[in-house]
Amino acid sequence: MTSDDDSSCLVGRFAEMSGISEFIDNEVKSNDVVLFMKGTPGFPQCGFSGQVVQILDYVGVDYKGVNILTSDELRQGIKEYSNWPTIPQLYVKGEFVGGCDIIREMFQAGELQSLFSEKGVATKAA
């Protein structure tokens, strides 16, 4: 009987992860800019997430923040979705751009602003 319970747990876990993958895919594809982060843009709960929020706010781009702390499945699922081990993760027009270090370096070099421009994502006039 234990093996049946184990297999149903695995099936349930697969279904949860499959559902999480679909949720993540939908968020990435239906928002021009989405940041998977710890906390929210108004209340980041990690210094790295907070840095990316500050950069995005400074650039003046509209983005959606997704709090990965709301679900262990979401926290693990986003890492598997991107094949990237850390949070935060920024996506622009469906493409994974990077985490905090990459975003900070791109911003400092002017490349993040160029990326938004190339992708047709509006930013505030600087």
Protein backbone atom coordinates (compact mmCIF):
# COMPACT_ATOMS: atom_id res chain seq x y z
CA MET A 1 0.00 0.00 0.00
CA THR A 2 2.90 2.34 0.68
CA SER A 3 4.09 2.14 -2.91
CA ASP A 4 0.66 3.28 -4.15
CA ASP A 5 0.75 6.19 -1.74
CA ASP A 6 4.26 7.06 -2.92
CA SER A 7 3.27 6.97 -6.58
CA SER A 8 0.17 9.08 -6.02
CA CYS A 9 2.33 11.59 -4.13
CA LEU A 10 4.71 11.67 -7.08
CA VAL A 11 1.83 12.12 -9.51
CA GLY A 12 0.42 14.89 -7.33
CA ARG A 13 3.81 16.58 -7.13
CA PHE A 14 4.25 16.30 -10.89
CA ALA A 15 0.81 17.84 -11.41
CA GLU A 16 1.68 20.66 -9.02
CA MET A 17 4.99 21.29 -10.78
CA SER A 18 3.29 21.08 -14.17
CA GLY A 19 0.73 23.63 -12.98
CA ILE A 20 3.52 25.86 -11.67
CA SER A 21 5.35 25.62 -14.99
CA GLU A 22 2.19 26.70 -16.80
CA PHE A 23 1.68 29.57 -14.33
CA ILE A 24 5.28 30.75 -14.80
CA ASP A 25 5.08 30.40 -18.58
CA ASN A 26 1.87 32.42 -18.63
CA GLU A 27 3.37 35.20 -16.48
CA VAL A 28 6.51 35.36 -18.63
CA LYS A 29 4.59 35.42 -21.91
CA SER A 30 1.72 37.72 -20.91
CA ASN A 31 3.80 40.51 -19.34
CA ASP A 32 6.38 42.58 -21.22
CA VAL A 33 8.56 42.75 -18.12
CA VAL A 34 8.23 40.40 -15.16
CA LEU A 35 10.46 40.06 -12.11
CA PHE A 36 10.33 36.88 -10.06
CA MET A 37 11.52 38.07 -6.68
CA LYS A 38 11.50 37.56 -2.93
CA GLY A 39 8.77 39.87 -1.69
CA THR A 40 6.95 42.50 -3.72
CA PRO A 41 8.13 45.64 -5.53
CA GLY A 42 6.71 47.69 -2.67
CA PHE A 43 8.27 45.47 0.00
CA PRO A 44 11.25 43.46 -1.26
CA GLN A 45 12.31 40.80 1.25
CA CYS A 46 15.85 40.30 -0.02
CA GLY A 47 18.62 42.76 -0.82
CA PHE A 48 19.17 41.38 -4.32
CA SER A 49 15.48 41.65 -5.21
CA GLY A 50 15.49 45.17 -3.75
CA GLN A 51 18.41 46.20 -5.97
CA VAL A 52 16.65 45.04 -9.14
CA VAL A 53 13.44 46.83 -8.06
CA GLN A 54 15.44 50.05 -7.56
CA ILE A 55 17.01 49.71 -11.01
CA LEU A 56 13.69 49.03 -12.74
CA ASP A 57 12.03 51.90 -10.89
CA TYR A 58 14.92 54.24 -11.77
CA VAL A 59 14.71 53.29 -15.45
CA GLY A 60 10.96 53.85 -15.22
CA VAL A 61 9.75 50.64 -16.82
CA ASP A 62 6.37 49.12 -16.01
CA TYR A 63 6.82 45.59 -14.71
CA LYS A 64 5.04 42.88 -12.80
CA GLY A 65 6.62 41.53 -9.62
CA VAL A 66 5.88 37.91 -8.70
CA ASN A 67 6.59 36.98 -5.08
CA ILE A 68 8.18 33.52 -5.08
CA LEU A 69 7.93 33.31 -1.29
CA THR A 70 4.21 32.53 -1.55
CA SER A 71 4.86 28.93 -2.61
CA ASP A 72 7.68 26.39 -2.35
CA GLU A 73 6.57 25.02 -5.74
CA LEU A 74 6.88 28.47 -7.32
CA ARG A 75 10.27 29.05 -5.69
CA GLN A 76 11.62 25.76 -7.09
CA GLY A 77 9.64 25.96 -10.33
CA ILE A 78 11.14 29.27 -11.45
CA LYS A 79 14.65 27.90 -10.95
CA GLU A 80 13.81 24.89 -13.11
CA TYR A 81 11.98 27.02 -15.70
CA SER A 82 15.02 29.21 -16.29
CA ASN A 83 17.69 26.68 -15.36
CA TRP A 84 19.08 29.50 -13.17
CA PRO A 85 19.72 28.81 -9.47
CA THR A 86 19.07 32.20 -7.90
CA ILE A 87 16.35 34.77 -7.32
CA PRO A 88 15.54 37.43 -8.52
CA GLN A 89 15.01 36.62 -12.19
CA LEU A 90 14.06 39.22 -14.80
CA TYR A 91 12.23 38.38 -18.02
CA VAL A 92 11.70 40.84 -20.87
CA LYS A 93 9.31 39.99 -23.70
CA GLY A 94 9.38 36.30 -22.79
CA GLU A 95 13.17 36.02 -22.53
CA PHE A 96 15.20 35.42 -19.40
CA VAL A 97 17.64 38.31 -18.95
CA GLY A 98 19.35 37.44 -15.68
CA GLY A 99 19.61 37.91 -11.96
CA CYS A 100 20.77 40.78 -9.78
CA ASP A 101 24.45 40.87 -10.81
CA ILE A 102 23.68 40.70 -14.53
CA ILE A 103 20.92 43.33 -14.30
CA ARG A 104 23.16 45.67 -12.26
CA GLU A 105 26.04 45.29 -14.73
CA MET A 106 23.75 45.83 -17.72
CA PHE A 107 22.24 48.92 -16.07
CA GLN A 108 25.66 50.42 -15.26
CA ALA A 109 26.82 49.85 -18.84
CA GLY A 110 23.62 51.30 -20.34
CA GLU A 111 22.76 47.91 -21.84
CA LEU A 112 19.56 47.39 -19.85
CA GLN A 113 18.09 50.62 -21.17
CA SER A 114 19.11 49.59 -24.69
CA LEU A 115 17.49 46.19 -24.24
CA PHE A 116 14.18 47.79 -23.25
CA SER A 117 14.41 50.12 -26.24
CA GLU A 118 15.22 47.27 -28.66
CA LYS A 119 12.33 45.20 -27.30
CA GLY A 120 9.90 48.12 -27.63
CA VAL A 121 9.37 48.44 -23.87
CA ALA A 122 8.66 52.04 -22.82
CA THR A 123 10.80 53.67 -20.15
CA LYS A 124 10.58 57.12 -18.60
CA ALA A 125 12.43 59.90 -20.39
CA ALA A 126 15.82 60.30 -18.72
